[in-house]
N, C-alpha and C. Protein backbone atom coordinates (compact mmCIF):
# COMPACT_ATOMS: atom_id res chain seq x y z
N MET A 1 -7.74 -21.22 -4.41
CA MET A 1 -7.23 -20.02 -3.98
C MET A 1 -6.01 -20.25 -3.13
N ASP A 2 -5.57 -21.40 -2.76
CA ASP A 2 -4.58 -21.74 -1.75
C ASP A 2 -3.27 -21.40 -2.54
N SER A 3 -3.21 -21.77 -3.79
CA SER A 3 -1.94 -21.40 -4.60
C SER A 3 -1.74 -20.02 -4.89
N CYS A 4 -2.69 -19.21 -4.79
CA CYS A 4 -2.72 -17.81 -5.10
C CYS A 4 -1.80 -16.99 -4.05
N PRO A 5 -0.65 -16.10 -4.43
CA PRO A 5 0.11 -15.56 -3.40
C PRO A 5 -0.80 -14.38 -2.63
N LYS A 6 -0.55 -14.55 -1.41
CA LYS A 6 -1.06 -13.44 -0.60
C LYS A 6 -0.20 -12.78 0.22
N VAL A 7 -0.48 -11.37 0.50
CA VAL A 7 0.26 -10.47 1.27
C VAL A 7 -0.57 -10.20 2.56
N LYS A 8 0.26 -10.22 3.65
CA LYS A 8 -0.31 -10.32 5.01
C LYS A 8 -0.76 -8.75 5.38
N ASN A 9 0.42 -7.84 4.93
CA ASN A 9 0.19 -6.35 5.21
C ASN A 9 1.27 -5.61 4.39
N ILE A 10 0.76 -4.47 4.42
CA ILE A 10 1.70 -3.37 3.42
C ILE A 10 1.77 -2.34 4.22
N LEU A 11 2.96 -1.75 4.56
CA LEU A 11 3.23 -0.70 5.52
C LEU A 11 4.07 0.35 4.98
N LEU A 12 3.61 1.65 5.19
CA LEU A 12 4.51 2.76 4.96
C LEU A 12 4.76 3.46 6.44
N LEU A 13 6.19 3.41 6.67
CA LEU A 13 6.50 3.97 8.07
C LEU A 13 7.33 5.06 7.70
N ASP A 14 7.47 6.13 8.86
CA ASP A 14 8.40 7.33 8.74
C ASP A 14 9.61 6.76 9.37
N SER A 15 10.77 7.73 9.31
CA SER A 15 11.98 7.44 9.71
C SER A 15 11.99 7.23 11.11
N GLU A 16 10.92 7.29 11.79
CA GLU A 16 10.97 7.04 13.33
C GLU A 16 9.96 5.71 13.69
N GLY A 17 9.58 5.19 12.79
CA GLY A 17 8.88 4.11 12.78
C GLY A 17 7.40 4.16 13.01
N LYS A 18 6.86 5.29 12.94
CA LYS A 18 5.60 5.81 13.03
C LYS A 18 4.85 5.55 11.77
N ARG A 19 3.36 5.40 11.89
CA ARG A 19 2.61 4.91 10.81
C ARG A 19 2.37 6.27 9.85
N VAL A 20 2.60 5.95 8.65
CA VAL A 20 2.11 6.95 7.66
C VAL A 20 0.92 6.37 6.84
N ALA A 21 0.93 5.00 6.43
CA ALA A 21 -0.19 4.33 5.93
C ALA A 21 0.11 3.01 5.80
N VAL A 22 -0.70 2.27 6.54
CA VAL A 22 -0.73 0.75 6.65
C VAL A 22 -2.03 0.21 6.44
N LYS A 23 -1.86 -1.02 6.01
CA LYS A 23 -3.20 -1.84 5.68
C LYS A 23 -2.69 -3.38 6.03
N TYR A 24 -3.67 -3.93 6.89
CA TYR A 24 -3.47 -5.48 7.06
C TYR A 24 -4.60 -6.24 6.45
N PHE A 25 -4.13 -7.48 6.07
CA PHE A 25 -5.10 -8.32 5.11
C PHE A 25 -5.05 -9.64 5.89
N SER A 26 -4.49 -9.90 7.07
CA SER A 26 -4.31 -11.00 7.87
C SER A 26 -5.03 -10.86 9.34
N ASP A 27 -5.60 -11.83 9.74
CA ASP A 27 -6.00 -11.89 11.18
C ASP A 27 -4.94 -12.24 12.18
N GLU A 28 -3.81 -12.42 11.65
CA GLU A 28 -2.62 -12.67 12.67
C GLU A 28 -2.37 -11.60 13.73
N TRP A 29 -2.79 -10.26 13.48
CA TRP A 29 -2.47 -9.24 14.26
C TRP A 29 -3.88 -8.68 14.46
N ALA A 30 -4.51 -9.48 15.68
CA ALA A 30 -6.00 -9.21 15.80
C ALA A 30 -6.19 -7.76 16.38
N THR A 31 -5.34 -7.22 17.25
CA THR A 31 -5.59 -5.88 17.73
C THR A 31 -4.71 -4.71 17.42
N ASN A 32 -5.13 -3.66 17.55
CA ASN A 32 -4.11 -2.36 17.05
C ASN A 32 -2.90 -2.59 17.75
N SER A 33 -2.89 -2.77 19.00
CA SER A 33 -1.72 -2.79 19.90
C SER A 33 -0.71 -4.00 19.18
N ALA A 34 -1.24 -5.25 18.74
CA ALA A 34 -0.52 -6.13 18.12
C ALA A 34 0.14 -5.66 16.94
N LYS A 35 -0.70 -4.95 16.13
CA LYS A 35 -0.18 -4.39 14.96
C LYS A 35 0.92 -3.55 14.94
N GLU A 36 0.69 -2.48 16.00
CA GLU A 36 1.86 -1.54 16.37
C GLU A 36 2.97 -2.16 16.84
N ALA A 37 2.97 -3.14 17.69
CA ALA A 37 4.10 -3.92 18.16
C ALA A 37 4.85 -4.52 16.97
N PHE A 38 4.21 -5.12 16.14
CA PHE A 38 4.75 -5.75 14.86
C PHE A 38 5.45 -4.69 14.13
N GLU A 39 4.98 -3.71 13.87
CA GLU A 39 5.42 -2.63 13.01
C GLU A 39 6.98 -2.09 13.84
N LYS A 40 6.84 -1.78 15.17
CA LYS A 40 8.10 -1.48 15.82
C LYS A 40 9.13 -2.39 15.74
N THR A 41 8.75 -3.70 15.95
CA THR A 41 9.64 -4.74 16.00
C THR A 41 10.31 -4.81 14.43
N ILE A 42 9.62 -4.64 13.45
CA ILE A 42 9.96 -4.75 11.95
C ILE A 42 11.00 -3.54 11.83
N PHE A 43 10.63 -2.36 12.33
CA PHE A 43 11.18 -1.13 12.08
C PHE A 43 12.55 -1.23 12.88
N THR A 44 12.52 -1.62 14.20
CA THR A 44 13.77 -1.85 14.92
C THR A 44 14.84 -2.58 14.29
N LYS A 45 14.44 -3.87 13.62
CA LYS A 45 15.36 -4.87 13.10
C LYS A 45 15.98 -4.39 11.66
N THR A 46 14.96 -3.61 11.10
CA THR A 46 15.61 -3.04 9.76
C THR A 46 16.27 -1.69 9.74
N GLN A 47 16.07 -0.89 10.84
CA GLN A 47 16.60 0.38 10.94
C GLN A 47 17.97 0.71 10.39
N LYS A 48 18.82 -0.49 10.75
CA LYS A 48 20.22 -0.16 10.55
C LYS A 48 20.68 -0.87 9.29
N THR A 49 19.85 -1.25 8.50
CA THR A 49 20.19 -1.73 7.22
C THR A 49 20.09 -0.77 6.04
N ASN A 50 20.79 -0.91 4.88
CA ASN A 50 20.94 0.11 3.86
C ASN A 50 19.95 -0.34 2.83
N ALA A 51 18.84 -0.22 2.92
CA ALA A 51 17.78 -0.67 1.90
C ALA A 51 17.31 0.45 1.02
N ARG A 52 18.51 1.22 0.52
CA ARG A 52 17.90 2.44 -0.07
C ARG A 52 18.05 2.18 -1.79
N ALA A 53 19.23 1.46 -2.14
CA ALA A 53 19.41 1.18 -3.54
C ALA A 53 18.44 0.02 -3.98
N GLU A 54 18.35 -1.12 -3.27
CA GLU A 54 17.52 -2.15 -3.55
C GLU A 54 16.81 -2.59 -2.35
N ALA A 55 15.80 -3.46 -2.67
CA ALA A 55 14.89 -4.07 -1.67
C ALA A 55 15.78 -5.12 -0.93
N GLU A 56 15.53 -5.31 0.36
CA GLU A 56 16.20 -6.12 1.21
C GLU A 56 15.00 -7.26 1.69
N ILE A 57 15.52 -8.25 1.99
CA ILE A 57 14.59 -9.37 2.50
C ILE A 57 14.87 -9.84 3.86
N GLY A 58 13.81 -10.22 4.56
CA GLY A 58 14.04 -10.61 6.16
C GLY A 58 12.97 -11.39 6.54
N MET A 59 13.27 -12.37 7.48
CA MET A 59 12.37 -13.17 8.19
C MET A 59 12.14 -12.60 9.58
N PHE A 60 10.77 -12.42 9.96
CA PHE A 60 10.46 -11.93 11.17
C PHE A 60 9.13 -12.60 11.55
N GLU A 61 9.33 -13.31 12.74
CA GLU A 61 8.12 -14.18 13.42
C GLU A 61 7.53 -14.91 12.29
N ASN A 62 8.14 -15.72 11.52
CA ASN A 62 7.54 -16.30 10.51
C ASN A 62 7.09 -15.91 9.39
N ASN A 63 7.44 -14.65 9.02
CA ASN A 63 6.89 -13.89 7.94
C ASN A 63 8.06 -13.57 7.19
N ILE A 64 7.87 -13.38 5.82
CA ILE A 64 8.96 -12.86 4.86
C ILE A 64 8.63 -11.33 4.83
N VAL A 65 9.48 -10.48 4.98
CA VAL A 65 9.35 -8.98 5.01
C VAL A 65 10.30 -8.48 4.01
N ILE A 66 9.87 -7.99 2.96
CA ILE A 66 10.58 -7.24 1.84
C ILE A 66 10.31 -5.69 2.07
N TYR A 67 11.58 -5.12 2.02
CA TYR A 67 11.48 -3.54 2.75
C TYR A 67 12.58 -2.76 1.69
N LYS A 68 12.27 -1.48 1.60
CA LYS A 68 12.94 -0.50 0.94
C LYS A 68 12.63 0.76 1.48
N PHE A 69 13.88 1.68 1.46
CA PHE A 69 13.67 3.11 2.10
C PHE A 69 13.84 4.07 1.09
N ILE A 70 13.34 5.22 1.35
CA ILE A 70 13.72 6.30 0.46
C ILE A 70 13.29 7.41 1.23
N GLN A 71 14.22 8.56 1.29
CA GLN A 71 14.26 9.69 2.07
C GLN A 71 13.77 9.27 3.58
N ASP A 72 12.84 9.68 4.07
CA ASP A 72 12.26 9.50 5.51
C ASP A 72 11.13 8.49 5.53
N LEU A 73 10.81 7.71 4.42
CA LEU A 73 9.90 6.77 4.18
C LEU A 73 10.55 5.28 4.24
N HIS A 74 9.79 4.40 4.84
CA HIS A 74 10.14 3.13 4.87
C HIS A 74 9.00 2.09 4.41
N PHE A 75 9.05 1.50 3.22
CA PHE A 75 8.26 0.82 2.52
C PHE A 75 8.32 -0.69 3.08
N PHE A 76 7.28 -1.43 3.40
CA PHE A 76 7.52 -2.87 3.83
C PHE A 76 6.17 -3.65 3.39
N VAL A 77 6.32 -4.74 2.81
CA VAL A 77 5.59 -5.73 2.25
C VAL A 77 5.76 -6.96 3.03
N THR A 78 4.79 -7.69 3.62
CA THR A 78 4.77 -8.93 4.47
C THR A 78 3.91 -10.01 3.89
N GLY A 79 4.68 -11.28 3.93
CA GLY A 79 4.08 -12.43 3.26
C GLY A 79 4.13 -13.49 4.39
N GLY A 80 3.54 -14.67 4.11
CA GLY A 80 3.76 -15.83 4.97
C GLY A 80 5.07 -16.26 4.47
N GLU A 81 5.62 -17.27 5.36
CA GLU A 81 6.82 -17.91 5.16
C GLU A 81 7.11 -18.75 4.01
N ASP A 82 6.04 -19.24 3.35
CA ASP A 82 5.93 -19.99 2.28
C ASP A 82 5.63 -19.22 0.86
N GLU A 83 5.58 -18.01 1.14
CA GLU A 83 5.17 -17.04 -0.15
C GLU A 83 6.48 -16.85 -0.95
N ASN A 84 6.39 -16.62 -2.30
CA ASN A 84 7.44 -16.31 -3.14
C ASN A 84 8.11 -14.78 -3.17
N GLU A 85 9.39 -14.89 -2.67
CA GLU A 85 9.92 -13.55 -2.30
C GLU A 85 10.01 -12.73 -3.59
N ILE A 86 10.06 -13.25 -4.69
CA ILE A 86 10.01 -12.58 -5.89
C ILE A 86 8.81 -11.87 -6.21
N ILE A 87 7.61 -12.40 -5.89
CA ILE A 87 6.37 -11.79 -6.05
C ILE A 87 6.12 -10.73 -5.08
N LEU A 88 6.46 -10.94 -3.73
CA LEU A 88 6.53 -9.97 -2.83
C LEU A 88 7.34 -8.83 -3.10
N ALA A 89 8.57 -9.03 -3.66
CA ALA A 89 9.32 -7.86 -4.10
C ALA A 89 8.77 -7.08 -5.18
N ASN A 90 8.16 -7.62 -6.05
CA ASN A 90 7.28 -7.07 -7.36
C ASN A 90 6.17 -6.17 -6.69
N VAL A 91 5.50 -6.47 -5.59
CA VAL A 91 4.35 -5.86 -4.99
C VAL A 91 5.03 -4.58 -4.32
N LEU A 92 6.13 -4.87 -3.71
CA LEU A 92 6.84 -3.75 -3.04
C LEU A 92 7.46 -2.65 -4.01
N GLN A 93 7.89 -3.14 -5.27
CA GLN A 93 8.45 -2.24 -6.17
C GLN A 93 7.30 -1.54 -6.93
N GLY A 94 6.10 -2.24 -7.05
CA GLY A 94 5.02 -1.50 -7.59
C GLY A 94 4.32 -0.42 -6.60
N PHE A 95 4.47 -0.61 -5.48
CA PHE A 95 3.85 0.36 -4.37
C PHE A 95 4.95 1.47 -4.27
N TYR A 96 6.17 1.14 -4.33
CA TYR A 96 7.27 2.07 -4.20
C TYR A 96 7.29 3.02 -5.64
N ASP A 97 7.13 2.31 -6.66
CA ASP A 97 7.05 3.36 -7.90
C ASP A 97 5.74 4.00 -8.05
N ALA A 98 4.59 3.56 -7.58
CA ALA A 98 3.41 4.30 -7.74
C ALA A 98 3.43 5.50 -6.69
N VAL A 99 3.85 5.22 -5.56
CA VAL A 99 3.88 6.26 -4.69
C VAL A 99 4.88 7.32 -5.25
N GLY A 100 6.03 7.10 -5.67
CA GLY A 100 6.81 7.98 -6.21
C GLY A 100 6.40 8.86 -7.36
N LEU A 101 5.60 8.18 -8.39
CA LEU A 101 4.73 8.82 -9.36
C LEU A 101 3.69 9.80 -8.74
N LEU A 102 3.08 9.22 -7.99
CA LEU A 102 1.68 10.04 -7.34
C LEU A 102 2.19 11.25 -6.61
N LEU A 103 3.45 11.10 -5.94
CA LEU A 103 3.97 12.41 -5.21
C LEU A 103 5.01 13.20 -5.97
N ARG A 104 5.09 12.81 -7.41
CA ARG A 104 5.83 13.64 -8.28
C ARG A 104 7.46 13.48 -8.00
N GLY A 105 7.73 12.39 -7.41
CA GLY A 105 9.13 12.39 -7.00
C GLY A 105 9.62 13.03 -5.73
N ASN A 106 8.49 13.60 -5.21
CA ASN A 106 8.88 14.21 -3.88
C ASN A 106 8.44 13.28 -2.71
N VAL A 107 9.25 12.07 -2.67
CA VAL A 107 8.89 11.14 -1.59
C VAL A 107 9.28 11.33 -0.42
N GLU A 108 8.52 11.99 0.50
CA GLU A 108 8.83 12.31 1.93
C GLU A 108 7.52 12.24 2.77
N LYS A 109 7.78 12.05 3.98
CA LYS A 109 6.67 12.04 4.89
C LYS A 109 5.55 13.12 4.81
N LYS A 110 6.01 14.40 4.72
CA LYS A 110 5.15 15.43 4.68
C LYS A 110 4.35 15.42 3.29
N GLU A 111 4.96 15.10 2.25
CA GLU A 111 4.23 15.02 0.95
C GLU A 111 3.21 13.61 1.07
N ALA A 112 3.70 12.68 1.54
CA ALA A 112 2.84 11.55 1.70
C ALA A 112 1.68 11.75 2.58
N LEU A 113 1.83 12.54 3.69
CA LEU A 113 0.77 12.82 4.56
C LEU A 113 -0.28 13.91 3.81
N GLU A 114 0.31 14.73 3.04
CA GLU A 114 -0.55 15.60 2.25
C GLU A 114 -1.36 14.91 1.27
N ASN A 115 -0.99 13.82 0.84
CA ASN A 115 -1.70 13.13 -0.26
C ASN A 115 -1.89 11.65 0.17
N LEU A 116 -2.35 11.60 1.39
CA LEU A 116 -2.62 10.18 2.04
C LEU A 116 -3.75 9.51 1.23
N ASP A 117 -4.70 10.29 0.89
CA ASP A 117 -5.94 9.57 0.05
C ASP A 117 -5.34 8.85 -1.10
N LEU A 118 -4.44 9.48 -1.73
CA LEU A 118 -3.68 8.94 -3.06
C LEU A 118 -3.03 7.72 -2.65
N VAL A 119 -2.25 7.81 -1.42
CA VAL A 119 -1.39 6.68 -1.09
C VAL A 119 -2.30 5.32 -0.64
N LEU A 120 -3.47 5.67 0.10
CA LEU A 120 -4.20 4.75 0.49
C LEU A 120 -5.05 4.05 -0.69
N LEU A 121 -5.31 4.82 -1.57
CA LEU A 121 -6.10 4.39 -2.94
C LEU A 121 -4.99 3.50 -3.60
N CYS A 122 -3.65 3.74 -3.77
CA CYS A 122 -2.71 3.13 -4.21
C CYS A 122 -2.62 1.78 -3.61
N ILE A 123 -2.69 1.55 -2.19
CA ILE A 123 -2.67 0.24 -1.60
C ILE A 123 -3.71 -0.64 -2.11
N ASP A 124 -4.98 0.15 -2.12
CA ASP A 124 -6.26 -0.58 -2.59
C ASP A 124 -6.30 -1.12 -3.94
N GLU A 125 -5.44 -0.43 -4.82
CA GLU A 125 -5.36 -0.84 -6.14
C GLU A 125 -4.28 -2.02 -6.30
N ILE A 126 -3.55 -2.07 -5.35
CA ILE A 126 -2.41 -3.08 -5.47
C ILE A 126 -2.79 -4.39 -4.73
N ILE A 127 -3.61 -4.35 -3.92
CA ILE A 127 -4.01 -5.51 -3.10
C ILE A 127 -5.56 -5.50 -2.63
N ASP A 128 -6.10 -6.42 -2.74
CA ASP A 128 -7.61 -6.71 -1.97
C ASP A 128 -7.81 -7.81 -1.31
N GLY A 129 -7.87 -7.65 -0.12
CA GLY A 129 -8.22 -8.86 0.86
C GLY A 129 -6.91 -9.74 0.84
N GLY A 130 -5.57 -9.28 0.56
CA GLY A 130 -4.57 -10.09 0.58
C GLY A 130 -4.15 -10.51 -0.72
N ILE A 131 -5.15 -10.52 -1.73
CA ILE A 131 -4.83 -10.88 -3.20
C ILE A 131 -4.29 -9.90 -3.76
N ILE A 132 -3.09 -10.12 -4.62
CA ILE A 132 -2.48 -8.99 -5.29
C ILE A 132 -3.15 -8.95 -6.75
N LEU A 133 -3.42 -7.62 -6.96
CA LEU A 133 -4.14 -7.27 -8.03
C LEU A 133 -3.38 -6.66 -9.10
N GLU A 134 -2.33 -5.99 -8.88
CA GLU A 134 -1.61 -5.34 -9.79
C GLU A 134 -0.09 -4.96 -9.20
N THR A 135 1.10 -4.94 -10.13
CA THR A 135 2.33 -4.65 -9.51
C THR A 135 2.91 -3.59 -10.28
N ASP A 136 2.33 -3.32 -11.36
CA ASP A 136 3.00 -2.16 -12.36
C ASP A 136 2.58 -0.65 -11.88
N GLY A 137 3.73 -0.03 -11.55
CA GLY A 137 3.44 1.31 -10.82
C GLY A 137 2.64 2.47 -11.78
N ASP A 138 3.02 2.24 -13.12
CA ASP A 138 2.27 2.97 -14.00
C ASP A 138 0.80 2.91 -14.03
N VAL A 139 0.36 1.50 -14.16
CA VAL A 139 -1.00 1.06 -14.13
C VAL A 139 -1.60 1.39 -12.83
N ILE A 140 -0.95 1.17 -11.84
CA ILE A 140 -1.53 1.47 -10.44
C ILE A 140 -1.71 3.08 -10.32
N VAL A 141 -0.94 3.90 -10.81
CA VAL A 141 -1.03 5.26 -10.85
C VAL A 141 -2.35 5.70 -11.82
N GLY A 142 -2.46 5.11 -12.74
CA GLY A 142 -3.54 5.38 -13.65
C GLY A 142 -4.85 5.19 -13.17
N LYS A 143 -4.97 3.94 -12.45
CA LYS A 143 -6.23 3.55 -11.62
C LYS A 143 -6.44 4.51 -10.56
N VAL A 144 -5.32 4.79 -9.87
CA VAL A 144 -5.68 5.90 -8.61
C VAL A 144 -6.18 7.25 -9.36
N ALA A 145 -5.71 7.53 -10.44
CA ALA A 145 -6.01 8.91 -11.03
C ALA A 145 -7.40 8.96 -11.47
N SER A 146 -7.70 7.63 -11.98
CA SER A 146 -9.26 7.64 -12.50
C SER A 146 -10.20 7.49 -11.41
N ASN A 147 -9.77 6.93 -10.29
CA ASN A 147 -10.70 6.90 -9.15
C ASN A 147 -10.86 8.25 -8.27
N SER A 148 -9.86 9.07 -8.40
CA SER A 148 -9.77 10.34 -7.72
C SER A 148 -10.37 11.64 -8.45
N ILE A 149 -11.01 11.27 -9.60
CA ILE A 149 -11.76 12.11 -10.37
C ILE A 149 -12.72 12.92 -9.62
N ASP A 150 -13.04 14.23 -9.77
CA ASP A 150 -13.99 14.88 -9.14
C ASP A 150 -15.53 14.20 -9.33
N SER A 151 -16.12 13.62 -8.40
CA SER A 151 -17.48 13.18 -8.41
C SER A 151 -18.48 14.05 -8.77
N ASN A 152 -18.22 15.22 -8.74
CA ASN A 152 -19.26 16.20 -9.21
C ASN A 152 -19.30 16.49 -10.70
N ALA A 153 -18.31 15.98 -11.40
CA ALA A 153 -18.26 16.41 -12.71
C ALA A 153 -19.30 15.67 -13.48
N PRO A 154 -19.75 16.19 -14.57
CA PRO A 154 -20.87 15.50 -15.26
C PRO A 154 -20.67 14.13 -15.63
N LEU A 155 -21.47 13.26 -15.63
CA LEU A 155 -21.34 11.84 -15.86
C LEU A 155 -20.78 11.69 -17.40
N SER A 156 -21.13 12.57 -18.31
CA SER A 156 -20.74 12.62 -19.63
C SER A 156 -19.27 12.75 -19.74
N GLU A 157 -18.70 13.23 -18.78
CA GLU A 157 -17.27 13.58 -18.66
C GLU A 157 -16.36 12.44 -18.16
N GLN A 158 -17.02 11.45 -17.47
CA GLN A 158 -16.48 10.33 -16.82
C GLN A 158 -16.38 9.24 -17.76
N THR A 159 -15.42 8.29 -17.31
CA THR A 159 -15.38 7.05 -17.90
C THR A 159 -16.43 6.09 -17.25
N ILE A 160 -16.67 4.91 -17.94
CA ILE A 160 -17.76 4.06 -17.33
C ILE A 160 -17.40 3.70 -15.82
N SER A 161 -16.15 3.39 -15.66
CA SER A 161 -15.68 3.03 -14.29
C SER A 161 -15.82 4.03 -13.30
N GLN A 162 -15.58 5.31 -13.80
CA GLN A 162 -15.71 6.49 -12.95
C GLN A 162 -17.24 6.78 -12.55
N ALA A 163 -18.06 6.58 -13.69
CA ALA A 163 -19.33 6.89 -13.54
C ALA A 163 -20.11 5.82 -12.56
N LEU A 164 -19.60 4.50 -12.55
CA LEU A 164 -19.99 3.63 -11.67
C LEU A 164 -19.62 3.94 -10.29
N ALA A 165 -18.31 4.40 -10.12
CA ALA A 165 -17.97 4.67 -8.91
C ALA A 165 -18.68 5.87 -8.05
N THR A 166 -18.85 6.91 -8.96
CA THR A 166 -19.78 8.05 -8.55
C THR A 166 -21.24 7.48 -8.19
N ALA A 167 -21.72 6.65 -9.11
CA ALA A 167 -22.96 6.14 -8.77
C ALA A 167 -23.21 5.39 -7.35
N ARG A 168 -22.08 4.46 -7.31
CA ARG A 168 -21.88 3.78 -6.03
C ARG A 168 -21.74 4.80 -4.70
N GLU A 169 -21.09 5.63 -5.01
CA GLU A 169 -20.71 6.67 -3.88
C GLU A 169 -22.10 7.50 -3.50
N HIS A 170 -22.88 7.96 -4.58
CA HIS A 170 -24.10 8.52 -4.26
C HIS A 170 -25.18 7.55 -3.71
N LEU A 171 -25.09 6.27 -4.17
CA LEU A 171 -26.23 5.25 -3.50
C LEU A 171 -25.75 5.12 -2.08
N THR A 172 -24.23 4.91 -1.65
CA THR A 172 -23.92 4.78 -0.42
C THR A 172 -24.33 5.71 0.48
N ARG A 173 -24.17 7.10 -0.02
CA ARG A 173 -24.73 8.37 0.78
C ARG A 173 -26.11 8.23 1.03
N SER A 174 -27.11 7.79 0.13
CA SER A 174 -28.47 7.85 0.33
C SER A 174 -28.74 6.75 1.23
N LEU A 175 -28.13 5.81 1.29
CA LEU A 175 -28.55 4.48 2.14
C LEU A 175 -28.04 4.91 3.50
N LEU A 176 -27.04 5.80 3.70
CA LEU A 176 -26.62 5.97 4.86
C LEU A 176 -27.39 7.11 5.72
N LYS A 177 -28.31 7.97 4.93
CA LYS A 177 -28.98 9.06 5.35
C LYS A 177 -30.31 8.39 6.39
């Protein structure tokens, strides 16, 4: 597993550097305050760049950070200093494309917050525990859409994966009671 590329975090920040959706896959930032400090540092150092047309690459605190901006949202993917920049750039592009598709091209903070569940599902479909699962925006959106089906729909109208997700959800609820 050491040769498998890993992502340390994936961040979606607003134009002021505040969190919209973030997920960390590394113990490098143990506390929430350490995470927020890292986010502020990255935002401050990238704020004056023009990463709107293409993704930019930077080194911050021995991490490779790939980032891209659209409207009032800033997309970041962080990997270790020995990770492949092209792979990290593909992760960023997949996240960027999927969010754009999920928000129907209206990629801005207000829309992202209104659809935060879809954005967070998108992150979960791209990366699991730091391991990259998918980088194709269309595939990611398809998986997010299949996961966000109404769990009250009859099982006969759900796919096998949707039915399993529904069953898992019902089991979890019954165990938590």
